[in-house]
Amino acid sequence: MQYTILSTITLGILFVVLTYFLFYIFKKFKIKINEKLLYGLIPWVMAAAFARVAEDAGVYPDSFFTTTPGIVLVFTVILLAVFFLGIQIEKKKKFALWKTLTISGLIMSAVQLPSLKFVNFYGAEVIVMVFAIALGAILIARKFIKIDNLSFYAIAAQLFDASATFTSLTYFNYYEQHVLPTFLINIAGPWIMFPLKLAVILPIIYLLNKYCEDNELRKFVMVAIFVLGLAPGLRDTLRLTAGV
C-alpha cells in the first residue's frame, strides 16, 4: 500500500485521537505509566506485527481489519479488554498488570508465529547490525546528555525503524510507502531515515521533557513514540525475514 498525503494526514489525525482516548482511559483507571508497562506492551506490538505480516504474506485476507488502520483498532480493542482484566486481577493483589500484559501478549504472538515461514535470516542480521551501530551512537551521546529511560527507549525504537527501512531499501529491493520519506530518499538515499527520525522526535522529546507539566501525559507520549517506532520496525524486519 502506497500512502498518499491525504491518507498520511488521516492516519495522523487517527493516531492523535486514539492517543488522547487511550490516555483518558489510563487516567480514569489510574494506570501507572512506567517502564514495566512498556515491557508489557512489547509482546502486543510483536503480535500485531505478526498479524500484519501474515496479511502481507497472504495468510490472512486483505480487508480493513487486517491492514492499517483497521488492524490497529482491532488490537487496541483486544488490548483494552486485557487491560481491564489485568486491572481487576491486580486489585486482588494476585498478579501485576504488566505481567498480565506480557503473558497475554506472548500468547498472542505465539499464535501468530506458525502462520509465517522465515527464509531470510540474513536480512534480520543486517538490520540488527545496523541498529547496533545506531544504538551505540545514542549510548555514547547519553554519557554527555541527560536522557531518562523512557526517552531513550523512544529514540531507540525510532532508530530501529530507521534501521529496518534503511536495510530493506538499500540491500533488498523494498520501497518506502510514505510520502515525505519517499521524497527525501529519492533525493539523498535511504540513509536519510536516520537524521529524519532524529529531526522529528528529538525536538518533541525535548519539548515534552522541558515544558510538559503533566508527568503522566509526558510518559504516555514517550510510550506512544516508542510503539510508533517499534511497530513498523518489527513489521519491516518480519517482512524481510519472511521474504514477503
C-alpha atoms as a PDB file:
ATOM      1  CA  MET A   1       0.000   0.000   0.000  1.00  0.00           C
ATOM      2  CA  GLN A   2       1.405   3.374  -1.046  1.00  0.00           C
ATOM      3  CA  TYR A   3       0.334   6.159   1.304  1.00  0.00           C
ATOM      4  CA  THR A   4      -0.829   9.471  -0.204  1.00  0.00           C
ATOM      5  CA  ILE A   5      -0.650  12.849   1.510  1.00  0.00           C
ATOM      6  CA  LEU A   6      -4.364  12.547   2.366  1.00  0.00           C
ATOM      7  CA  SER A   7      -4.036   9.050   3.844  1.00  0.00           C
ATOM      8  CA  THR A   8      -0.962  10.142   5.815  1.00  0.00           C
ATOM      9  CA  ILE A   9      -2.853  13.109   7.299  1.00  0.00           C
ATOM     10  CA  THR A  10      -5.841  10.865   8.044  1.00  0.00           C
ATOM     11  CA  LEU A  11      -3.635   8.349   9.860  1.00  0.00           C
ATOM     12  CA  GLY A  12      -2.003  11.191  11.784  1.00  0.00           C
ATOM     13  CA  ILE A  13      -5.380  12.507  12.961  1.00  0.00           C
ATOM     14  CA  LEU A  14      -6.492   8.975  13.876  1.00  0.00           C
ATOM     15  CA  PHE A  15      -3.317   8.484  15.901  1.00  0.00           C
ATOM     16  CA  VAL A  16      -3.825  11.741  17.823  1.00  0.00           C
ATOM     17  CA  VAL A  17      -7.465  10.890  18.585  1.00  0.00           C
ATOM     18  CA  LEU A  18      -6.595   7.328  19.607  1.00  0.00           C
ATOM     19  CA  THR A  19      -3.696   8.532  21.779  1.00  0.00           C
ATOM     20  CA  TYR A  20      -5.936  11.041  23.568  1.00  0.00           C
ATOM     21  CA  PHE A  21      -8.634   8.393  24.100  1.00  0.00           C
ATOM     22  CA  LEU A  22      -6.165   5.863  25.495  1.00  0.00           C
ATOM     23  CA  PHE A  23      -4.611   8.466  27.798  1.00  0.00           C
ATOM     24  CA  TYR A  24      -8.108   9.300  29.085  1.00  0.00           C
ATOM     25  CA  ILE A  25      -8.660   5.586  29.824  1.00  0.00           C
ATOM     26  CA  PHE A  26      -5.307   5.322  31.581  1.00  0.00           C
ATOM     27  CA  LYS A  27      -6.022   8.387  33.694  1.00  0.00           C
ATOM     28  CA  LYS A  28      -9.566   7.316  34.569  1.00  0.00           C
ATOM     29  CA  PHE A  29      -8.444   3.913  35.810  1.00  0.00           C
ATOM     30  CA  LYS A  30      -5.255   5.323  37.374  1.00  0.00           C
ATOM     31  CA  ILE A  31      -2.940   3.090  35.358  1.00  0.00           C
ATOM     32  CA  LYS A  32       0.664   3.945  36.192  1.00  0.00           C
ATOM     33  CA  ILE A  33       2.800   4.605  33.132  1.00  0.00           C
ATOM     34  CA  ASN A  34       6.323   3.301  33.678  1.00  0.00           C
ATOM     35  CA  GLU A  35       8.998   1.067  32.214  1.00  0.00           C
ATOM     36  CA  LYS A  36       7.281  -2.137  33.303  1.00  0.00           C
ATOM     37  CA  LEU A  37       4.131  -1.124  31.433  1.00  0.00           C
ATOM     38  CA  LEU A  38       6.276  -0.524  28.350  1.00  0.00           C
ATOM     39  CA  TYR A  39       7.794  -4.002  28.720  1.00  0.00           C
ATOM     40  CA  GLY A  40       4.283  -5.452  28.899  1.00  0.00           C
ATOM     41  CA  LEU A  41       3.293  -3.728  25.663  1.00  0.00           C
ATOM     42  CA  ILE A  42       6.233  -5.063  23.622  1.00  0.00           C
ATOM     43  CA  PRO A  43       4.746  -8.592  23.121  1.00  0.00           C
ATOM     44  CA  TRP A  44       1.494  -6.983  21.954  1.00  0.00           C
ATOM     45  CA  VAL A  45       3.347  -4.899  19.380  1.00  0.00           C
ATOM     46  CA  MET A  46       5.030  -8.121  18.257  1.00  0.00           C
ATOM     47  CA  ALA A  47       1.654  -9.861  17.955  1.00  0.00           C
ATOM     48  CA  ALA A  48       0.251  -7.022  15.843  1.00  0.00           C
ATOM     49  CA  ALA A  49       3.350  -7.095  13.622  1.00  0.00           C
ATOM     50  CA  PHE A  50       2.996 -10.869  13.119  1.00  0.00           C
ATOM     51  CA  ALA A  51      -0.662 -10.420  12.143  1.00  0.00           C
ATOM     52  CA  ARG A  52       0.135  -7.567   9.749  1.00  0.00           C
ATOM     53  CA  VAL A  53       2.902  -9.506   8.011  1.00  0.00           C
ATOM     54  CA  ALA A  54       0.639 -12.570   7.805  1.00  0.00           C
ATOM     55  CA  GLU A  55      -1.713 -10.395   5.736  1.00  0.00           C
ATOM     56  CA  ASP A  56       1.217  -9.290   3.560  1.00  0.00           C
ATOM     57  CA  ALA A  57       2.070 -12.964   3.042  1.00  0.00           C
ATOM     58  CA  GLY A  58      -1.491 -13.807   2.014  1.00  0.00           C
ATOM     59  CA  VAL A  59      -2.208 -15.925   5.097  1.00  0.00           C
ATOM     60  CA  TYR A  60      -4.999 -13.544   6.141  1.00  0.00           C
ATOM     61  CA  PRO A  61      -7.407 -11.989   3.619  1.00  0.00           C
ATOM     62  CA  ASP A  62      -6.856  -8.385   2.608  1.00  0.00           C
ATOM     63  CA  SER A  63      -9.510  -6.409   4.475  1.00  0.00           C
ATOM     64  CA  PHE A  64      -9.963  -3.295   6.592  1.00  0.00           C
ATOM     65  CA  PHE A  65      -9.412  -5.315   9.773  1.00  0.00           C
ATOM     66  CA  THR A  66      -6.128  -6.882   8.614  1.00  0.00           C
ATOM     67  CA  THR A  67      -4.473  -3.715   7.290  1.00  0.00           C
ATOM     68  CA  THR A  68      -3.682  -0.273   8.692  1.00  0.00           C
ATOM     69  CA  PRO A  69      -5.586   1.411  10.319  1.00  0.00           C
ATOM     70  CA  GLY A  70      -8.148  -1.348  10.924  1.00  0.00           C
ATOM     71  CA  ILE A  71      -5.681  -3.780  12.467  1.00  0.00           C
ATOM     72  CA  VAL A  72      -4.577  -1.068  14.916  1.00  0.00           C
ATOM     73  CA  LEU A  73      -8.177  -0.625  16.061  1.00  0.00           C
ATOM     74  CA  VAL A  74      -8.670  -4.393  16.392  1.00  0.00           C
ATOM     75  CA  PHE A  75      -5.599  -4.860  18.568  1.00  0.00           C
ATOM     76  CA  THR A  76      -6.426  -1.724  20.580  1.00  0.00           C
ATOM     77  CA  VAL A  77      -9.866  -3.122  21.460  1.00  0.00           C
ATOM     78  CA  ILE A  78      -8.380  -6.512  22.430  1.00  0.00           C
ATOM     79  CA  LEU A  79      -5.625  -4.831  24.426  1.00  0.00           C
ATOM     80  CA  LEU A  80      -8.110  -2.643  26.306  1.00  0.00           C
ATOM     81  CA  ALA A  81     -10.065  -5.744  27.271  1.00  0.00           C
ATOM     82  CA  VAL A  82      -6.868  -7.302  28.612  1.00  0.00           C
ATOM     83  CA  PHE A  83      -6.098  -4.049  30.466  1.00  0.00           C
ATOM     84  CA  PHE A  84      -9.460  -4.158  32.237  1.00  0.00           C
ATOM     85  CA  LEU A  85      -8.968  -7.826  33.090  1.00  0.00           C
ATOM     86  CA  GLY A  86      -5.435  -7.130  34.306  1.00  0.00           C
ATOM     87  CA  ILE A  87      -6.629  -4.236  36.482  1.00  0.00           C
ATOM     88  CA  GLN A  88      -9.157  -6.494  38.194  1.00  0.00           C
ATOM     89  CA  ILE A  89      -6.523  -9.172  38.767  1.00  0.00           C
ATOM     90  CA  GLU A  90      -4.080  -6.600  40.147  1.00  0.00           C
ATOM     91  CA  LYS A  91      -6.733  -5.200  42.523  1.00  0.00           C
ATOM     92  CA  LYS A  92      -6.999  -8.630  44.080  1.00  0.00           C
ATOM     93  CA  LYS A  93      -3.206  -8.467  44.523  1.00  0.00           C
ATOM     94  CA  LYS A  94      -2.704 -11.697  42.669  1.00  0.00           C
ATOM     95  CA  PHE A  95      -0.726 -10.507  39.667  1.00  0.00           C
ATOM     96  CA  ALA A  96       0.806  -7.231  38.445  1.00  0.00           C
ATOM     97  CA  LEU A  97      -0.850  -5.629  35.403  1.00  0.00           C
ATOM     98  CA  TRP A  98       2.352  -5.569  33.371  1.00  0.00           C
ATOM     99  CA  LYS A  99       2.780  -9.326  33.910  1.00  0.00           C
ATOM    100  CA  THR A 100      -0.746  -9.968  32.621  1.00  0.00           C
ATOM    101  CA  LEU A 101       0.054  -7.865  29.563  1.00  0.00           C
ATOM    102  CA  THR A 102       3.342  -9.644  28.978  1.00  0.00           C
ATOM    103  CA  ILE A 103       1.963 -13.173  29.223  1.00  0.00           C
ATOM    104  CA  SER A 104      -1.165 -12.474  27.151  1.00  0.00           C
ATOM    105  CA  GLY A 105       0.917 -10.652  24.521  1.00  0.00           C
ATOM    106  CA  LEU A 106       3.370 -13.548  24.275  1.00  0.00           C
ATOM    107  CA  ILE A 107       0.439 -15.945  23.791  1.00  0.00           C
ATOM    108  CA  MET A 108      -0.954 -13.735  21.014  1.00  0.00           C
ATOM    109  CA  SER A 109       2.483 -13.636  19.379  1.00  0.00           C
ATOM    110  CA  ALA A 110       2.899 -17.401  19.664  1.00  0.00           C
ATOM    111  CA  VAL A 111      -0.485 -17.920  17.988  1.00  0.00           C
ATOM    112  CA  GLN A 112       0.628 -15.776  15.036  1.00  0.00           C
ATOM    113  CA  LEU A 113       4.101 -17.304  14.687  1.00  0.00           C
ATOM    114  CA  PRO A 114       3.209 -20.570  12.858  1.00  0.00           C
ATOM    115  CA  SER A 115       1.459 -18.602  10.094  1.00  0.00           C
ATOM    116  CA  LEU A 116       4.795 -17.336   8.763  1.00  0.00           C
ATOM    117  CA  LYS A 117       7.745 -19.103   7.164  1.00  0.00           C
ATOM    118  CA  PHE A 118      11.085 -17.398   7.749  1.00  0.00           C
ATOM    119  CA  VAL A 119      13.529 -17.701   4.859  1.00  0.00           C
ATOM    120  CA  ASN A 120      15.836 -14.677   5.067  1.00  0.00           C
ATOM    121  CA  PHE A 121      17.580 -14.607   8.439  1.00  0.00           C
ATOM    122  CA  TYR A 122      20.491 -12.753   6.847  1.00  0.00           C
ATOM    123  CA  GLY A 123      18.231  -9.734   6.350  1.00  0.00           C
ATOM    124  CA  ALA A 124      17.330  -9.699  10.041  1.00  0.00           C
ATOM    125  CA  GLU A 125      21.012  -9.976  10.952  1.00  0.00           C
ATOM    126  CA  VAL A 126      21.851  -6.931   8.827  1.00  0.00           C
ATOM    127  CA  ILE A 127      19.072  -4.925  10.486  1.00  0.00           C
ATOM    128  CA  VAL A 128      20.397  -5.897  13.924  1.00  0.00           C
ATOM    129  CA  MET A 129      23.941  -4.856  12.965  1.00  0.00           C
ATOM    130  CA  VAL A 130      22.816  -1.513  11.562  1.00  0.00           C
ATOM    131  CA  PHE A 131      20.653  -0.895  14.623  1.00  0.00           C
ATOM    132  CA  ALA A 132      23.547  -1.819  16.930  1.00  0.00           C
ATOM    133  CA  ILE A 133      25.655   0.924  15.341  1.00  0.00           C
ATOM    134  CA  ALA A 134      22.847   3.490  15.710  1.00  0.00           C
ATOM    135  CA  LEU A 135      22.178   2.372  19.281  1.00  0.00           C
ATOM    136  CA  GLY A 136      25.864   2.630  20.111  1.00  0.00           C
ATOM    137  CA  ALA A 137      25.864   6.252  18.968  1.00  0.00           C
ATOM    138  CA  ILE A 138      22.910   7.028  21.248  1.00  0.00           C
ATOM    139  CA  LEU A 139      24.574   5.265  24.196  1.00  0.00           C
ATOM    140  CA  ILE A 140      27.688   7.387  23.673  1.00  0.00           C
ATOM    141  CA  ALA A 141      25.558  10.545  23.459  1.00  0.00           C
ATOM    142  CA  ARG A 142      23.819   9.513  26.681  1.00  0.00           C
ATOM    143  CA  LYS A 143      27.126   9.822  28.523  1.00  0.00           C
ATOM    144  CA  PHE A 144      27.165  13.548  27.750  1.00  0.00           C
ATOM    145  CA  ILE A 145      23.438  14.380  27.599  1.00  0.00           C
ATOM    146  CA  LYS A 146      20.943  13.502  30.323  1.00  0.00           C
ATOM    147  CA  ILE A 147      18.311  11.204  28.796  1.00  0.00           C
ATOM    148  CA  ASP A 148      15.793   9.410  31.015  1.00  0.00           C
ATOM    149  CA  ASN A 149      14.964   5.773  30.275  1.00  0.00           C
ATOM    150  CA  LEU A 150      11.587   6.325  28.572  1.00  0.00           C
ATOM    151  CA  SER A 151      13.085   9.000  26.294  1.00  0.00           C
ATOM    152  CA  PHE A 152      15.960   6.650  25.489  1.00  0.00           C
ATOM    153  CA  TYR A 153      13.599   3.795  24.637  1.00  0.00           C
ATOM    154  CA  ALA A 154      11.526   6.103  22.421  1.00  0.00           C
ATOM    155  CA  ILE A 155      14.618   7.213  20.481  1.00  0.00           C
ATOM    156  CA  ALA A 156      15.940   3.655  20.236  1.00  0.00           C
ATOM    157  CA  ALA A 157      12.640   2.319  18.847  1.00  0.00           C
ATOM    158  CA  GLN A 158      12.537   5.025  16.193  1.00  0.00           C
ATOM    159  CA  LEU A 159      16.137   4.247  15.188  1.00  0.00           C
ATOM    160  CA  PHE A 160      15.212   0.560  14.997  1.00  0.00           C
ATOM    161  CA  ASP A 161      12.510   1.501  12.485  1.00  0.00           C
ATOM    162  CA  ALA A 162      15.056   3.591  10.551  1.00  0.00           C
ATOM    163  CA  SER A 163      17.490   0.639  10.568  1.00  0.00           C
ATOM    164  CA  ALA A 164      14.849  -1.738   9.189  1.00  0.00           C
ATOM    165  CA  THR A 165      13.856   0.738   6.471  1.00  0.00           C
ATOM    166  CA  PHE A 166      17.468   1.514   5.536  1.00  0.00           C
ATOM    167  CA  THR A 167      18.395  -2.173   5.295  1.00  0.00           C
ATOM    168  CA  SER A 168      15.285  -3.179   3.329  1.00  0.00           C
ATOM    169  CA  LEU A 169      15.696  -0.357   0.813  1.00  0.00           C
ATOM    170  CA  THR A 170      19.479  -0.495   0.450  1.00  0.00           C
ATOM    171  CA  TYR A 171      20.100  -4.212   0.196  1.00  0.00           C
ATOM    172  CA  PHE A 172      16.817  -5.983  -0.528  1.00  0.00           C
ATOM    173  CA  ASN A 173      14.873  -4.027  -3.150  1.00  0.00           C
ATOM    174  CA  TYR A 174      11.969  -2.897  -0.972  1.00  0.00           C
ATOM    175  CA  TYR A 175      10.370   0.537  -1.263  1.00  0.00           C
ATOM    176  CA  GLU A 176       9.145   3.198   1.169  1.00  0.00           C
ATOM    177  CA  GLN A 177       5.365   3.649   1.456  1.00  0.00           C
ATOM    178  CA  HIS A 178       5.118   7.131   2.975  1.00  0.00           C
ATOM    179  CA  VAL A 179       5.192  10.372   1.001  1.00  0.00           C
ATOM    180  CA  LEU A 180       7.791  12.554   2.775  1.00  0.00           C
ATOM    181  CA  PRO A 181      10.350   9.778   3.394  1.00  0.00           C
ATOM    182  CA  THR A 182       9.968   8.648  -0.233  1.00  0.00           C
ATOM    183  CA  PHE A 183      10.635  12.205  -1.444  1.00  0.00           C
ATOM    184  CA  LEU A 184      13.759  12.562   0.714  1.00  0.00           C
ATOM    185  CA  ILE A 185      15.018   9.048  -0.047  1.00  0.00           C
ATOM    186  CA  ASN A 186      14.774   9.754  -3.783  1.00  0.00           C
ATOM    187  CA  ILE A 187      16.989  12.802  -3.227  1.00  0.00           C
ATOM    188  CA  ALA A 188      19.524  11.617  -0.649  1.00  0.00           C
ATOM    189  CA  GLY A 189      19.158   7.842  -0.341  1.00  0.00           C
ATOM    190  CA  PRO A 190      17.847   5.515   2.418  1.00  0.00           C
ATOM    191  CA  TRP A 191      20.412   6.732   4.983  1.00  0.00           C
ATOM    192  CA  ILE A 192      18.334   9.920   5.296  1.00  0.00           C
ATOM    193  CA  MET A 193      15.898   7.972   7.515  1.00  0.00           C
ATOM    194  CA  PHE A 194      18.245   8.309  10.491  1.00  0.00           C
ATOM    195  CA  PRO A 195      18.569  12.124  10.535  1.00  0.00           C
ATOM    196  CA  LEU A 196      14.900  12.433   9.507  1.00  0.00           C
ATOM    197  CA  LYS A 197      13.785  10.392  12.523  1.00  0.00           C
ATOM    198  CA  LEU A 198      16.025  12.365  14.867  1.00  0.00           C
ATOM    199  CA  ALA A 199      14.935  15.697  13.380  1.00  0.00           C
ATOM    200  CA  VAL A 200      11.308  14.854  14.160  1.00  0.00           C
ATOM    201  CA  ILE A 201      11.470  13.076  17.517  1.00  0.00           C
ATOM    202  CA  LEU A 202      14.296  14.889  19.335  1.00  0.00           C
ATOM    203  CA  PRO A 203      12.509  18.285  19.384  1.00  0.00           C
ATOM    204  CA  ILE A 204       9.280  16.571  20.508  1.00  0.00           C
ATOM    205  CA  ILE A 205      11.066  14.747  23.325  1.00  0.00           C
ATOM    206  CA  TYR A 206      12.942  17.904  24.351  1.00  0.00           C
ATOM    207  CA  LEU A 207       9.762  19.994  24.479  1.00  0.00           C
ATOM    208  CA  LEU A 208       7.894  17.296  26.398  1.00  0.00           C
ATOM    209  CA  ASN A 209      10.645  16.920  28.981  1.00  0.00           C
ATOM    210  CA  LYS A 210      11.076  20.662  29.408  1.00  0.00           C
ATOM    211  CA  TYR A 211       7.549  22.055  29.244  1.00  0.00           C
ATOM    212  CA  CYS A 212       5.006  19.277  29.840  1.00  0.00           C
ATOM    213  CA  GLU A 213       3.763  19.745  33.409  1.00  0.00           C
ATOM    214  CA  ASP A 214       1.630  16.600  33.389  1.00  0.00           C
ATOM    215  CA  ASN A 215       4.245  13.920  34.029  1.00  0.00           C
ATOM    216  CA  GLU A 216       1.847  11.062  33.233  1.00  0.00           C
ATOM    217  CA  LEU A 217       0.988  12.637  29.865  1.00  0.00           C
ATOM    218  CA  ARG A 218       4.683  13.103  29.139  1.00  0.00           C
ATOM    219  CA  LYS A 219       5.402   9.456  29.886  1.00  0.00           C
ATOM    220  CA  PHE A 220       2.367   8.306  27.896  1.00  0.00           C
ATOM    221  CA  VAL A 221       3.535  10.200  24.794  1.00  0.00           C
ATOM    222  CA  MET A 222       7.007   8.667  25.218  1.00  0.00           C
ATOM    223  CA  VAL A 223       5.449   5.198  25.218  1.00  0.00           C
ATOM    224  CA  ALA A 224       3.393   6.153  22.140  1.00  0.00           C
ATOM    225  CA  ILE A 225       6.565   7.297  20.320  1.00  0.00           C
ATOM    226  CA  PHE A 226       8.200   4.018  21.329  1.00  0.00           C
ATOM    227  CA  VAL A 227       5.311   1.961  19.896  1.00  0.00           C
ATOM    228  CA  LEU A 228       5.249   4.087  16.716  1.00  0.00           C
ATOM    229  CA  GLY A 229       8.869   3.150  16.118  1.00  0.00           C
ATOM    230  CA  LEU A 230       8.828  -0.455  17.239  1.00  0.00           C
ATOM    231  CA  ALA A 231       5.669  -1.498  15.344  1.00  0.00           C
ATOM    232  CA  PRO A 232       6.763  -0.576  11.784  1.00  0.00           C
ATOM    233  CA  GLY A 233      10.337  -1.631  12.580  1.00  0.00           C
ATOM    234  CA  LEU A 234       9.171  -5.101  13.589  1.00  0.00           C
ATOM    235  CA  ARG A 235       6.848  -5.346  10.606  1.00  0.00           C
ATOM    236  CA  ASP A 236       9.655  -4.457   8.175  1.00  0.00           C
ATOM    237  CA  THR A 237      12.016  -6.899   9.882  1.00  0.00           C
ATOM    238  CA  LEU A 238       9.457  -9.718   9.803  1.00  0.00           C
ATOM    239  CA  ARG A 239       8.540  -8.995   6.178  1.00  0.00           C
ATOM    240  CA  LEU A 240      12.183  -9.156   5.177  1.00  0.00           C
ATOM    241  CA  THR A 241      12.778 -12.322   7.169  1.00  0.00           C
ATOM    242  CA  ALA A 242       9.644 -13.962   5.769  1.00  0.00           C
ATOM    243  CA  GLY A 243      10.529 -12.867   2.223  1.00  0.00           C
ATOM    244  CA  VAL A 244       7.246 -11.023   1.538  1.00  0.00           C
END
